[in-house]
Amino acid sequence: MTRSRHHGSQLSPSIFLAVLFAAGCGQQILPDTEPIPGGGRWRAFNPPPVELHEHAVTAMDGFLYAVGGRIPDGLIASLYRYDPATNQWTQQASHPGTAVDHMQAAVVDGILYAIGGTTDWPGPSVAETYAYNPANNRWSQKSSMPKPTAAMGIGVVDGKIYLIGGLSSSHAVNFVFEYDPATNTWDDLTPTCPMPTPRDHFAAATVNGKIHCIGGRQKDINSIVNVHEVFDPATQQWESRAPMPTARAGFSAAVLNGKILIMGGEGANNAPGVFSDNEEYDPATNTWRRLSPMTAPRHSTQAAVIDGVVYVAAGSPSLGRTFTDVHEGFSFSFEP
């Protein structure tokens, strides 16, 4: 993800949420969201134009892009762009394909690829692939995935896009698909190197040419896992790494300073059913540590990094089809 533009110094300071309690009984229903000393800090930014969730997010040329997803009125094919330099959102050309949620997006050579998704839950899924060129604000259709898939992990290694796991025919799968934008062709690697643990609603994060597939669920919200499996496209081999401390699904993931951050998610043992937890994995030591939790716990959103800031926009503040336009960013530089 490109980290080439500077975020404006005029941006608003962070506002931290108070711990909420159930009426009349004093029961804590949301995790403590106070920052952890040395664990970074969250800051509020301008919200997107609409409340949405289950959208795809990526960064390109210093901008944050949010594509597809669902708003309270239904599915959308919209593309929104956020500029950290001005703290403003603008709407770009909508993608021409089926309006879906649970799609994935990635960038290769300055082109954004939007892939897969569902038209309802838990299906049907679609196999469509579209490419967006920011130079002319236009989309083009590309070859479809080998099989319809949604809620999968995505990674880019050596100019190729990898779609892993996800939901197909309403079931969690172990697919591994490789897409080469240069030739507009897909290769189904599943027969030779399937993901060991079939699952959907997990996150994939790429570090040093390897794709880390973390967490997710295998059936429903009650089947969340903390599995951590790593795929090496060069050898087409899998290995297990230290499991995520907090099992969850539907969370955001980002790579910051060579380490993987896992933020939010669903399946929490509280009234909203969502997490604020922010946990960092260090591939060099195969260890996890806690960072400052999100100020707005939520699931069904994604993250991207620009200039050392992890941006997380919109999502669901409680289980199911709930919506928010909260937009916050995490950085170690935000600490006093």
C-alpha atoms as a PDB file:
ATOM      1  CA  MET A   1       0.000   0.000   0.000  1.00  0.00           C
ATOM      2  CA  THR A   2       1.378   3.397  -1.007  1.00  0.00           C
ATOM      3  CA  ARG A   3       2.394   5.765   1.759  1.00  0.00           C
ATOM      4  CA  SER A   4       3.329   8.868  -0.199  1.00  0.00           C
ATOM      5  CA  ARG A   5       1.134  11.790   0.922  1.00  0.00           C
ATOM      6  CA  HIS A   6       1.183  13.691   4.210  1.00  0.00           C
ATOM      7  CA  HIS A   7      -1.949  13.918   6.326  1.00  0.00           C
ATOM      8  CA  GLY A   8      -2.945  17.466   7.241  1.00  0.00           C
ATOM      9  CA  SER A   9      -1.907  18.882  10.591  1.00  0.00           C
ATOM     10  CA  GLN A  10      -5.317  20.575  10.983  1.00  0.00           C
ATOM     11  CA  LEU A  11      -7.091  17.309  11.691  1.00  0.00           C
ATOM     12  CA  SER A  12      -9.221  16.987  14.802  1.00  0.00           C
ATOM     13  CA  PRO A  13      -7.776  15.410  17.971  1.00  0.00           C
ATOM     14  CA  SER A  14      -8.924  11.997  19.049  1.00  0.00           C
ATOM     15  CA  ILE A  15     -12.034  11.609  21.165  1.00  0.00           C
ATOM     16  CA  PHE A  16     -12.070   8.543  23.362  1.00  0.00           C
ATOM     17  CA  LEU A  17     -15.284   6.744  24.230  1.00  0.00           C
ATOM     18  CA  ALA A  18     -16.342   6.254  27.810  1.00  0.00           C
ATOM     19  CA  VAL A  19     -16.866   2.756  29.091  1.00  0.00           C
ATOM     20  CA  LEU A  20     -20.564   1.928  28.734  1.00  0.00           C
ATOM     21  CA  PHE A  21     -22.612   0.174  31.385  1.00  0.00           C
ATOM     22  CA  ALA A  22     -25.894  -1.664  31.209  1.00  0.00           C
ATOM     23  CA  ALA A  23     -28.754   0.328  32.722  1.00  0.00           C
ATOM     24  CA  GLY A  24     -29.372  -0.306  36.385  1.00  0.00           C
ATOM     25  CA  CYS A  25     -26.876  -3.112  36.958  1.00  0.00           C
ATOM     26  CA  GLY A  26     -23.435  -1.612  36.337  1.00  0.00           C
ATOM     27  CA  GLN A  27     -22.443  -4.421  33.959  1.00  0.00           C
ATOM     28  CA  GLN A  28     -19.734  -3.451  31.497  1.00  0.00           C
ATOM     29  CA  ILE A  29     -20.939  -4.080  27.942  1.00  0.00           C
ATOM     30  CA  LEU A  30     -18.047  -2.668  25.934  1.00  0.00           C
ATOM     31  CA  PRO A  31     -14.321  -3.264  26.376  1.00  0.00           C
ATOM     32  CA  ASP A  32     -12.194  -0.600  28.000  1.00  0.00           C
ATOM     33  CA  THR A  33     -11.062   1.747  25.235  1.00  0.00           C
ATOM     34  CA  GLU A  34      -8.447   3.769  27.101  1.00  0.00           C
ATOM     35  CA  PRO A  35      -5.096   3.972  25.238  1.00  0.00           C
ATOM     36  CA  ILE A  36      -2.202   1.808  26.373  1.00  0.00           C
ATOM     37  CA  PRO A  37       1.022   3.749  27.086  1.00  0.00           C
ATOM     38  CA  GLY A  38       3.439   3.056  24.258  1.00  0.00           C
ATOM     39  CA  GLY A  39       0.686   1.275  22.335  1.00  0.00           C
ATOM     40  CA  GLY A  40      -0.205   4.045  19.905  1.00  0.00           C
ATOM     41  CA  ARG A  41      -3.336   6.154  19.835  1.00  0.00           C
ATOM     42  CA  TRP A  42      -6.511   6.637  17.776  1.00  0.00           C
ATOM     43  CA  ARG A  43      -7.658   9.934  16.245  1.00  0.00           C
ATOM     44  CA  ALA A  44     -10.983  10.889  14.664  1.00  0.00           C
ATOM     45  CA  PHE A  45     -11.238  11.927  11.000  1.00  0.00           C
ATOM     46  CA  ASN A  46     -14.037  13.124   8.726  1.00  0.00           C
ATOM     47  CA  PRO A  47     -16.616  10.368   8.159  1.00  0.00           C
ATOM     48  CA  PRO A  48     -17.433   8.948   4.720  1.00  0.00           C
ATOM     49  CA  PRO A  49     -20.518  10.328   2.905  1.00  0.00           C
ATOM     50  CA  VAL A  50     -22.677   7.340   3.910  1.00  0.00           C
ATOM     51  CA  GLU A  51     -22.977   4.827   6.710  1.00  0.00           C
ATOM     52  CA  LEU A  52     -21.834   1.499   5.290  1.00  0.00           C
ATOM     53  CA  HIS A  53     -20.333  -1.877   6.094  1.00  0.00           C
ATOM     54  CA  GLU A  54     -18.855  -4.972   4.407  1.00  0.00           C
ATOM     55  CA  HIS A  55     -17.073  -2.749   1.877  1.00  0.00           C
ATOM     56  CA  ALA A  56     -13.609  -3.316   0.440  1.00  0.00           C
ATOM     57  CA  VAL A  57     -10.799  -0.916   1.345  1.00  0.00           C
ATOM     58  CA  THR A  58      -7.346  -0.303  -0.080  1.00  0.00           C
ATOM     59  CA  ALA A  59      -4.827   2.540  -0.449  1.00  0.00           C
ATOM     60  CA  MET A  60      -3.381   3.849  -3.692  1.00  0.00           C
ATOM     61  CA  ASP A  61      -1.197   6.892  -4.431  1.00  0.00           C
ATOM     62  CA  GLY A  62      -1.806   8.377  -1.015  1.00  0.00           C
ATOM     63  CA  PHE A  63      -5.597   8.020  -1.122  1.00  0.00           C
ATOM     64  CA  LEU A  64      -7.917   5.649   0.729  1.00  0.00           C
ATOM     65  CA  TYR A  65     -10.523   3.896  -1.438  1.00  0.00           C
ATOM     66  CA  ALA A  66     -13.747   2.244  -0.246  1.00  0.00           C
ATOM     67  CA  VAL A  67     -15.659   0.233  -2.831  1.00  0.00           C
ATOM     68  CA  GLY A  68     -19.006  -1.556  -2.740  1.00  0.00           C
ATOM     69  CA  GLY A  69     -20.627  -2.760   0.449  1.00  0.00           C
ATOM     70  CA  ARG A  70     -24.022  -2.155   1.982  1.00  0.00           C
ATOM     71  CA  ILE A  71     -25.828   0.920   3.269  1.00  0.00           C
ATOM     72  CA  PRO A  72     -29.107   0.869   5.225  1.00  0.00           C
ATOM     73  CA  ASP A  73     -31.027   0.996   1.924  1.00  0.00           C
ATOM     74  CA  GLY A  74     -29.187  -1.983   0.394  1.00  0.00           C
ATOM     75  CA  LEU A  75     -26.136  -2.919  -1.669  1.00  0.00           C
ATOM     76  CA  ILE A  76     -24.091  -0.300  -3.501  1.00  0.00           C
ATOM     77  CA  ALA A  77     -21.481  -0.283  -6.264  1.00  0.00           C
ATOM     78  CA  SER A  78     -20.105   3.098  -5.214  1.00  0.00           C
ATOM     79  CA  LEU A  79     -16.447   4.058  -4.971  1.00  0.00           C
ATOM     80  CA  TYR A  80     -15.454   6.657  -2.374  1.00  0.00           C
ATOM     81  CA  ARG A  81     -12.000   8.221  -2.099  1.00  0.00           C
ATOM     82  CA  TYR A  82     -10.556   9.808   1.042  1.00  0.00           C
ATOM     83  CA  ASP A  83      -7.672  12.291   0.883  1.00  0.00           C
ATOM     84  CA  PRO A  84      -5.747  12.482   4.189  1.00  0.00           C
ATOM     85  CA  ALA A  85      -4.118  15.742   3.042  1.00  0.00           C
ATOM     86  CA  THR A  86      -7.477  17.565   3.046  1.00  0.00           C
ATOM     87  CA  ASN A  87      -9.435  15.231   5.352  1.00  0.00           C
ATOM     88  CA  GLN A  88     -12.156  15.068   2.681  1.00  0.00           C
ATOM     89  CA  TRP A  89     -14.101  12.346   0.852  1.00  0.00           C
ATOM     90  CA  THR A  90     -15.159  12.428  -2.805  1.00  0.00           C
ATOM     91  CA  GLN A  91     -17.254   9.997  -4.830  1.00  0.00           C
ATOM     92  CA  GLN A  92     -15.623   8.427  -7.873  1.00  0.00           C
ATOM     93  CA  ALA A  93     -17.106   6.319 -10.689  1.00  0.00           C
ATOM     94  CA  SER A  94     -19.162   3.368  -9.450  1.00  0.00           C
ATOM     95  CA  HIS A  95     -17.994  -0.050 -10.577  1.00  0.00           C
ATOM     96  CA  PRO A  96     -20.125  -1.399 -13.468  1.00  0.00           C
ATOM     97  CA  GLY A  97     -20.670  -4.891 -12.079  1.00  0.00           C
ATOM     98  CA  THR A  98     -23.141  -6.457  -9.701  1.00  0.00           C
ATOM     99  CA  ALA A  99     -23.655  -4.488  -6.493  1.00  0.00           C
ATOM    100  CA  VAL A 100     -22.209  -6.678  -3.733  1.00  0.00           C
ATOM    101  CA  ASP A 101     -20.850  -6.686  -0.225  1.00  0.00           C
ATOM    102  CA  HIS A 102     -18.047  -8.894   1.160  1.00  0.00           C
ATOM    103  CA  MET A 103     -15.823  -8.183  -1.883  1.00  0.00           C
ATOM    104  CA  GLN A 104     -12.068  -7.636  -1.764  1.00  0.00           C
ATOM    105  CA  ALA A 105      -9.803  -5.032  -3.319  1.00  0.00           C
ATOM    106  CA  ALA A 106      -6.091  -4.795  -4.056  1.00  0.00           C
ATOM    107  CA  VAL A 107      -3.732  -2.561  -6.027  1.00  0.00           C
ATOM    108  CA  VAL A 108      -1.171  -3.624  -8.613  1.00  0.00           C
ATOM    109  CA  ASP A 109       0.821  -1.088 -10.667  1.00  0.00           C
ATOM    110  CA  GLY A 110      -1.517   1.797  -9.914  1.00  0.00           C
ATOM    111  CA  ILE A 111      -4.714  -0.088 -10.778  1.00  0.00           C
ATOM    112  CA  LEU A 112      -7.361  -1.048  -8.217  1.00  0.00           C
ATOM    113  CA  TYR A 113      -8.921  -4.506  -8.592  1.00  0.00           C
ATOM    114  CA  ALA A 114     -12.332  -5.249  -7.012  1.00  0.00           C
ATOM    115  CA  ILE A 115     -13.111  -8.968  -6.833  1.00  0.00           C
ATOM    116  CA  GLY A 116     -15.949 -11.269  -5.775  1.00  0.00           C
ATOM    117  CA  GLY A 117     -18.627 -10.576  -3.178  1.00  0.00           C
ATOM    118  CA  THR A 118     -22.175 -11.624  -2.305  1.00  0.00           C
ATOM    119  CA  THR A 119     -25.573 -10.336  -3.377  1.00  0.00           C
ATOM    120  CA  ASP A 120     -27.128 -11.589  -0.142  1.00  0.00           C
ATOM    121  CA  TRP A 121     -26.064 -13.543   2.922  1.00  0.00           C
ATOM    122  CA  PRO A 122     -24.775 -16.251   2.938  1.00  0.00           C
ATOM    123  CA  GLY A 123     -25.023 -16.182  -0.845  1.00  0.00           C
ATOM    124  CA  PRO A 124     -25.054 -16.302  -3.740  1.00  0.00           C
ATOM    125  CA  SER A 125     -21.464 -15.220  -4.287  1.00  0.00           C
ATOM    126  CA  VAL A 126     -20.105 -13.776  -7.535  1.00  0.00           C
ATOM    127  CA  ALA A 127     -16.847 -14.359  -9.417  1.00  0.00           C
ATOM    128  CA  GLU A 128     -16.606 -10.966 -11.109  1.00  0.00           C
ATOM    129  CA  THR A 129     -13.360  -9.001 -11.363  1.00  0.00           C
ATOM    130  CA  TYR A 130     -13.172  -5.305 -12.229  1.00  0.00           C
ATOM    131  CA  ALA A 131     -10.229  -2.939 -12.580  1.00  0.00           C
ATOM    132  CA  TYR A 132     -10.311   0.793 -11.780  1.00  0.00           C
ATOM    133  CA  ASN A 133      -7.877   3.287 -13.318  1.00  0.00           C
ATOM    134  CA  PRO A 134      -7.665   6.489 -11.239  1.00  0.00           C
ATOM    135  CA  ALA A 135      -6.004   8.330 -14.122  1.00  0.00           C
ATOM    136  CA  ASN A 136      -9.277   8.436 -16.073  1.00  0.00           C
ATOM    137  CA  ASN A 137     -11.759   7.453 -13.332  1.00  0.00           C
ATOM    138  CA  ARG A 138     -12.899   4.431 -15.365  1.00  0.00           C
ATOM    139  CA  TRP A 139     -13.564   0.755 -14.733  1.00  0.00           C
ATOM    140  CA  SER A 140     -13.014  -2.231 -17.012  1.00  0.00           C
ATOM    141  CA  GLN A 141     -14.163  -5.829 -16.645  1.00  0.00           C
ATOM    142  CA  LYS A 142     -11.539  -8.544 -16.274  1.00  0.00           C
ATOM    143  CA  SER A 143     -11.572 -12.341 -16.258  1.00  0.00           C
ATOM    144  CA  SER A 144     -13.705 -13.861 -13.514  1.00  0.00           C
ATOM    145  CA  MET A 145     -12.378 -15.941 -10.626  1.00  0.00           C
ATOM    146  CA  PRO A 146     -12.402 -19.735 -11.082  1.00  0.00           C
ATOM    147  CA  LYS A 147     -15.342 -19.950  -8.643  1.00  0.00           C
ATOM    148  CA  PRO A 148     -17.716 -17.425  -7.049  1.00  0.00           C
ATOM    149  CA  THR A 149     -16.318 -16.398  -3.666  1.00  0.00           C
ATOM    150  CA  ALA A 150     -16.824 -13.743  -0.987  1.00  0.00           C
ATOM    151  CA  ALA A 151     -15.536 -12.793   2.469  1.00  0.00           C
ATOM    152  CA  MET A 152     -12.092 -14.080   1.535  1.00  0.00           C
ATOM    153  CA  GLY A 153      -8.538 -12.945   2.204  1.00  0.00           C
ATOM    154  CA  ILE A 154      -6.474 -11.076  -0.377  1.00  0.00           C
ATOM    155  CA  GLY A 155      -2.759 -10.492  -0.836  1.00  0.00           C
ATOM    156  CA  VAL A 156      -0.360  -9.169  -3.487  1.00  0.00           C
ATOM    157  CA  VAL A 157       3.056 -10.745  -4.042  1.00  0.00           C
ATOM    158  CA  ASP A 158       5.371 -10.037  -7.000  1.00  0.00           C
ATOM    159  CA  GLY A 159       2.628  -8.342  -8.991  1.00  0.00           C
ATOM    160  CA  LYS A 160       0.108 -11.156  -8.621  1.00  0.00           C
ATOM    161  CA  ILE A 161      -3.100 -11.146  -6.582  1.00  0.00           C
ATOM    162  CA  TYR A 162      -3.998 -14.065  -4.325  1.00  0.00           C
ATOM    163  CA  LEU A 163      -7.575 -14.738  -3.186  1.00  0.00           C
ATOM    164  CA  ILE A 164      -7.685 -17.218  -0.311  1.00  0.00           C
ATOM    165  CA  GLY A 165     -10.496 -18.989   1.541  1.00  0.00           C
ATOM    166  CA  GLY A 166     -13.836 -17.260   1.863  1.00  0.00           C
ATOM    167  CA  LEU A 167     -17.438 -18.192   1.316  1.00  0.00           C
ATOM    168  CA  SER A 168     -18.679 -20.088  -1.750  1.00  0.00           C
ATOM    169  CA  SER A 169     -22.004 -21.870  -2.206  1.00  0.00           C
ATOM    170  CA  SER A 170     -22.816 -20.599   1.299  1.00  0.00           C
ATOM    171  CA  HIS A 171     -19.952 -22.595   2.891  1.00  0.00           C
ATOM    172  CA  ALA A 172     -16.502 -21.712   4.210  1.00  0.00           C
ATOM    173  CA  VAL A 173     -13.866 -22.871   1.705  1.00  0.00           C
ATOM    174  CA  ASN A 174     -10.107 -23.406   1.424  1.00  0.00           C
ATOM    175  CA  PHE A 175      -9.638 -21.945  -2.077  1.00  0.00           C
ATOM    176  CA  VAL A 176      -6.337 -20.455  -3.255  1.00  0.00           C
ATOM    177  CA  PHE A 177      -6.651 -18.491  -6.501  1.00  0.00           C
ATOM    178  CA  GLU A 178      -3.816 -16.631  -8.245  1.00  0.00           C
ATOM    179  CA  TYR A 179      -4.552 -13.740 -10.630  1.00  0.00           C
ATOM    180  CA  ASP A 180      -1.964 -12.272 -12.988  1.00  0.00           C
ATOM    181  CA  PRO A 181      -3.016  -8.765 -14.067  1.00  0.00           C
ATOM    182  CA  ALA A 182      -0.361  -8.749 -16.794  1.00  0.00           C
ATOM    183  CA  THR A 183      -2.076 -11.612 -18.629  1.00  0.00           C
ATOM    184  CA  ASN A 184      -5.587 -11.246 -17.157  1.00  0.00           C
ATOM    185  CA  THR A 185      -5.587 -14.917 -16.202  1.00  0.00           C
ATOM    186  CA  TRP A 186      -6.503 -16.907 -13.095  1.00  0.00           C
ATOM    187  CA  ASP A 187      -4.869 -20.069 -11.812  1.00  0.00           C
ATOM    188  CA  ASP A 188      -6.635 -22.308  -9.294  1.00  0.00           C
ATOM    189  CA  LEU A 189      -3.950 -23.482  -6.864  1.00  0.00           C
ATOM    190  CA  THR A 190      -6.414 -25.214  -4.540  1.00  0.00           C
ATOM    191  CA  PRO A 191      -5.727 -28.769  -5.765  1.00  0.00           C
ATOM    192  CA  THR A 192      -2.029 -28.481  -4.872  1.00  0.00           C
ATOM    193  CA  CYS A 193      -1.938 -26.061  -1.906  1.00  0.00           C
ATOM    194  CA  PRO A 194      -5.342 -25.479  -0.289  1.00  0.00           C
ATOM    195  CA  MET A 195      -5.567 -23.355   2.838  1.00  0.00           C
ATOM    196  CA  PRO A 196      -5.292 -25.850   5.735  1.00  0.00           C
ATOM    197  CA  THR A 197      -8.250 -24.435   7.691  1.00  0.00           C
ATOM    198  CA  PRO A 198     -11.303 -23.528   5.568  1.00  0.00           C
ATOM    199  CA  ARG A 199     -12.818 -20.258   6.797  1.00  0.00           C
ATOM    200  CA  ASP A 200     -14.349 -16.935   5.843  1.00  0.00           C
ATOM    201  CA  HIS A 201     -14.414 -13.480   7.424  1.00  0.00           C
ATOM    202  CA  PHE A 202     -10.689 -13.688   8.212  1.00  0.00           C
ATOM    203  CA  ALA A 203      -8.017 -11.203   7.151  1.00  0.00           C
ATOM    204  CA  ALA A 204      -4.938 -11.687   5.035  1.00  0.00           C
ATOM    205  CA  ALA A 205      -1.875  -9.485   5.450  1.00  0.00           C
ATOM    206  CA  THR A 206       1.268  -9.663   3.327  1.00  0.00           C
ATOM    207  CA  VAL A 207       4.724  -9.267   4.896  1.00  0.00           C
ATOM    208  CA  ASN A 208       8.039 -10.112   3.201  1.00  0.00           C
ATOM    209  CA  GLY A 209       6.347 -11.945   0.341  1.00  0.00           C
ATOM    210  CA  LYS A 210       4.239 -14.196   2.567  1.00  0.00           C
ATOM    211  CA  ILE A 211       0.481 -13.965   3.121  1.00  0.00           C
ATOM    212  CA  HIS A 212      -0.674 -14.306   6.730  1.00  0.00           C
ATOM    213  CA  CYS A 213      -4.235 -15.647   7.036  1.00  0.00           C
ATOM    214  CA  ILE A 214      -5.517 -14.888  10.515  1.00  0.00           C
ATOM    215  CA  GLY A 215      -8.704 -15.623  12.464  1.00  0.00           C
ATOM    216  CA  GLY A 216     -12.144 -15.791  10.865  1.00  0.00           C
ATOM    217  CA  ARG A 217     -15.023 -18.199  11.240  1.00  0.00           C
ATOM    218  CA  GLN A 218     -16.005 -21.571   9.802  1.00  0.00           C
ATOM    219  CA  LYS A 219     -19.803 -21.542   9.945  1.00  0.00           C
ATOM    220  CA  ASP A 220     -21.369 -18.624  11.810  1.00  0.00           C
ATOM    221  CA  ILE A 221     -20.636 -16.051  14.484  1.00  0.00           C
ATOM    222  CA  ASN A 222     -20.336 -18.818  17.069  1.00  0.00           C
ATOM    223  CA  SER A 223     -17.513 -20.547  15.197  1.00  0.00           C
ATOM    224  CA  ILE A 224     -14.780 -17.905  15.394  1.00  0.00           C
ATOM    225  CA  VAL A 225     -11.171 -19.087  15.410  1.00  0.00           C
ATOM    226  CA  ASN A 226      -7.725 -17.688  16.224  1.00  0.00           C
ATOM    227  CA  VAL A 227      -5.912 -19.779  13.608  1.00  0.00           C
ATOM    228  CA  HIS A 228      -2.840 -18.190  11.994  1.00  0.00           C
ATOM    229  CA  GLU A 229      -1.599 -19.843   8.797  1.00  0.00           C
ATOM    230  CA  VAL A 230       0.940 -18.401   6.369  1.00  0.00           C
ATOM    231  CA  PHE A 231       1.103 -19.017   2.626  1.00  0.00           C
ATOM    232  CA  ASP A 232       4.335 -18.609   0.661  1.00  0.00           C
ATOM    233  CA  PRO A 233       3.505 -18.154  -3.048  1.00  0.00           C
ATOM    234  CA  ALA A 234       7.147 -18.793  -3.998  1.00  0.00           C
ATOM    235  CA  THR A 235       7.078 -22.339  -2.638  1.00  0.00           C
ATOM    236  CA  GLN A 236       3.282 -22.808  -2.567  1.00  0.00           C
ATOM    237  CA  GLN A 237       3.631 -24.090   0.988  1.00  0.00           C
ATOM    238  CA  TRP A 238       1.734 -23.352   4.202  1.00  0.00           C
ATOM    239  CA  GLU A 239       3.011 -23.093   7.760  1.00  0.00           C
ATOM    240  CA  SER A 240       1.360 -22.428  11.117  1.00  0.00           C
ATOM    241  CA  ARG A 241       2.382 -19.440  13.221  1.00  0.00           C
ATOM    242  CA  ALA A 242       1.465 -18.180  16.695  1.00  0.00           C
ATOM    243  CA  PRO A 243      -2.326 -17.955  16.960  1.00  0.00           C
ATOM    244  CA  MET A 244      -4.033 -14.605  17.431  1.00  0.00           C
ATOM    245  CA  PRO A 245      -4.626 -13.989  21.166  1.00  0.00           C
ATOM    246  CA  THR A 246      -8.270 -12.976  20.691  1.00  0.00           C
ATOM    247  CA  ALA A 247     -10.318 -15.273  18.461  1.00  0.00           C
ATOM    248  CA  ARG A 248     -12.626 -13.215  16.228  1.00  0.00           C
ATOM    249  CA  ALA A 249     -13.960 -12.667  12.730  1.00  0.00           C
ATOM    250  CA  GLY A 250     -14.922  -9.742  10.519  1.00  0.00           C
ATOM    251  CA  PHE A 251     -12.042  -7.553  11.729  1.00  0.00           C
ATOM    252  CA  SER A 252      -9.691  -5.115  10.041  1.00  0.00           C
ATOM    253  CA  ALA A 253      -6.037  -5.830   9.357  1.00  0.00           C
ATOM    254  CA  ALA A 254      -3.105  -3.696   8.268  1.00  0.00           C
ATOM    255  CA  VAL A 255       0.675  -3.850   8.013  1.00  0.00           C
ATOM    256  CA  LEU A 256       2.443  -1.058   9.880  1.00  0.00           C
ATOM    257  CA  ASN A 257       6.235  -0.939  10.316  1.00  0.00           C
ATOM    258  CA  GLY A 258       6.532  -4.534   9.098  1.00  0.00           C
ATOM    259  CA  LYS A 259       4.086  -5.820  11.707  1.00  0.00           C
ATOM    260  CA  ILE A 260       0.461  -6.927  11.372  1.00  0.00           C
ATOM    261  CA  LEU A 261      -2.299  -5.119  13.250  1.00  0.00           C
ATOM    262  CA  ILE A 262      -5.651  -6.844  13.881  1.00  0.00           C
ATOM    263  CA  MET A 263      -8.400  -4.419  14.946  1.00  0.00           C
ATOM    264  CA  GLY A 264     -12.020  -4.833  16.035  1.00  0.00           C
ATOM    265  CA  GLY A 265     -14.138  -7.737  14.838  1.00  0.00           C
ATOM    266  CA  GLU A 266     -17.217  -9.712  15.842  1.00  0.00           C
ATOM    267  CA  GLY A 267     -17.909 -12.519  18.301  1.00  0.00           C
ATOM    268  CA  ALA A 268     -17.191 -10.650  21.539  1.00  0.00           C
ATOM    269  CA  ASN A 269     -18.828 -11.784  24.769  1.00  0.00           C
ATOM    270  CA  ASN A 270     -20.612  -8.487  25.362  1.00  0.00           C
ATOM    271  CA  ALA A 271     -23.980  -6.960  24.490  1.00  0.00           C
ATOM    272  CA  PRO A 272     -22.990  -5.496  21.076  1.00  0.00           C
ATOM    273  CA  GLY A 273     -20.927  -8.592  20.242  1.00  0.00           C
ATOM    274  CA  VAL A 274     -18.030  -6.558  18.835  1.00  0.00           C
ATOM    275  CA  PHE A 275     -14.386  -6.115  19.804  1.00  0.00           C
ATOM    276  CA  SER A 276     -12.275  -3.011  20.324  1.00  0.00           C
ATOM    277  CA  ASP A 277      -9.076  -5.105  20.660  1.00  0.00           C
ATOM    278  CA  ASN A 278      -6.033  -4.061  18.655  1.00  0.00           C
ATOM    279  CA  GLU A 279      -3.332  -6.741  18.598  1.00  0.00           C
ATOM    280  CA  GLU A 280       0.017  -6.595  16.825  1.00  0.00           C
ATOM    281  CA  TYR A 281       1.924  -9.549  15.385  1.00  0.00           C
ATOM    282  CA  ASP A 282       5.679  -9.411  14.796  1.00  0.00           C
ATOM    283  CA  PRO A 283       6.698 -11.902  12.064  1.00  0.00           C
ATOM    284  CA  ALA A 284      10.354 -11.619  13.092  1.00  0.00           C
ATOM    285  CA  THR A 285       9.706 -12.984  16.596  1.00  0.00           C
ATOM    286  CA  ASN A 286       6.417 -14.851  16.014  1.00  0.00           C
ATOM    287  CA  THR A 287       4.884 -12.995  18.966  1.00  0.00           C
ATOM    288  CA  TRP A 288       1.802 -10.884  19.666  1.00  0.00           C
ATOM    289  CA  ARG A 289       1.251  -7.841  21.868  1.00  0.00           C
ATOM    290  CA  ARG A 290      -1.686  -5.600  22.766  1.00  0.00           C
ATOM    291  CA  LEU A 291      -1.888  -2.067  21.388  1.00  0.00           C
ATOM    292  CA  SER A 292      -4.327   0.722  22.235  1.00  0.00           C
ATOM    293  CA  PRO A 293      -7.869  -0.481  21.462  1.00  0.00           C
ATOM    294  CA  MET A 294     -10.200   1.179  18.987  1.00  0.00           C
ATOM    295  CA  THR A 295     -12.309   4.030  20.330  1.00  0.00           C
ATOM    296  CA  ALA A 296     -15.260   2.786  18.249  1.00  0.00           C
ATOM    297  CA  PRO A 297     -15.553  -1.033  18.492  1.00  0.00           C
ATOM    298  CA  ARG A 298     -16.948  -2.508  15.250  1.00  0.00           C
ATOM    299  CA  HIS A 299     -16.803  -5.254  12.668  1.00  0.00           C
ATOM    300  CA  SER A 300     -17.427  -5.527   8.908  1.00  0.00           C
ATOM    301  CA  THR A 301     -14.891  -2.915   7.874  1.00  0.00           C
ATOM    302  CA  GLN A 302     -11.342  -2.912   6.542  1.00  0.00           C
ATOM    303  CA  ALA A 303      -8.169  -0.868   6.952  1.00  0.00           C
ATOM    304  CA  ALA A 304      -5.380   0.647   4.888  1.00  0.00           C
ATOM    305  CA  VAL A 305      -2.140   2.455   5.728  1.00  0.00           C
ATOM    306  CA  ILE A 306      -1.026   5.861   4.448  1.00  0.00           C
ATOM    307  CA  ASP A 307       2.026   7.701   5.832  1.00  0.00           C
ATOM    308  CA  GLY A 308       2.189   5.660   9.008  1.00  0.00           C
ATOM    309  CA  VAL A 309      -1.524   5.999   9.823  1.00  0.00           C
ATOM    310  CA  VAL A 310      -3.930   3.038   9.783  1.00  0.00           C
ATOM    311  CA  TYR A 311      -7.329   4.302   8.587  1.00  0.00           C
ATOM    312  CA  VAL A 312     -10.505   2.395   9.492  1.00  0.00           C
ATOM    313  CA  ALA A 313     -13.721   3.854   8.090  1.00  0.00           C
ATOM    314  CA  ALA A 314     -17.356   2.851   8.729  1.00  0.00           C
ATOM    315  CA  GLY A 315     -18.456  -0.704   9.693  1.00  0.00           C
ATOM    316  CA  SER A 316     -20.960  -2.244  12.115  1.00  0.00           C
ATOM    317  CA  PRO A 317     -21.118  -1.164  15.777  1.00  0.00           C
ATOM    318  CA  SER A 318     -23.037  -4.307  16.789  1.00  0.00           C
ATOM    319  CA  LEU A 319     -23.796  -7.759  15.402  1.00  0.00           C
ATOM    320  CA  GLY A 320     -25.751  -8.066  12.181  1.00  0.00           C
ATOM    321  CA  ARG A 321     -26.639  -5.394   9.653  1.00  0.00           C
ATOM    322  CA  THR A 322     -25.876  -2.309  11.679  1.00  0.00           C
ATOM    323  CA  PHE A 323     -24.150   0.731  10.262  1.00  0.00           C
ATOM    324  CA  THR A 324     -21.867   3.598  11.211  1.00  0.00           C
ATOM    325  CA  ASP A 325     -19.877   6.312   9.456  1.00  0.00           C
ATOM    326  CA  VAL A 326     -17.224   6.535  12.186  1.00  0.00           C
ATOM    327  CA  HIS A 327     -13.775   7.081  10.685  1.00  0.00           C
ATOM    328  CA  GLU A 328     -10.698   6.857  12.870  1.00  0.00           C
ATOM    329  CA  GLY A 329      -7.015   6.322  12.386  1.00  0.00           C
ATOM    330  CA  PHE A 330      -4.296   4.694  14.478  1.00  0.00           C
ATOM    331  CA  SER A 331      -0.668   5.733  14.694  1.00  0.00           C
ATOM    332  CA  PHE A 332       2.201   5.615  17.138  1.00  0.00           C
ATOM    333  CA  SER A 333       2.911   9.229  16.156  1.00  0.00           C
ATOM    334  CA  PHE A 334      -0.426  10.336  17.683  1.00  0.00           C
ATOM    335  CA  GLU A 335       0.829   9.639  21.200  1.00  0.00           C
ATOM    336  CA  PRO A 336       1.649  12.746  23.252  1.00  0.00           C
END
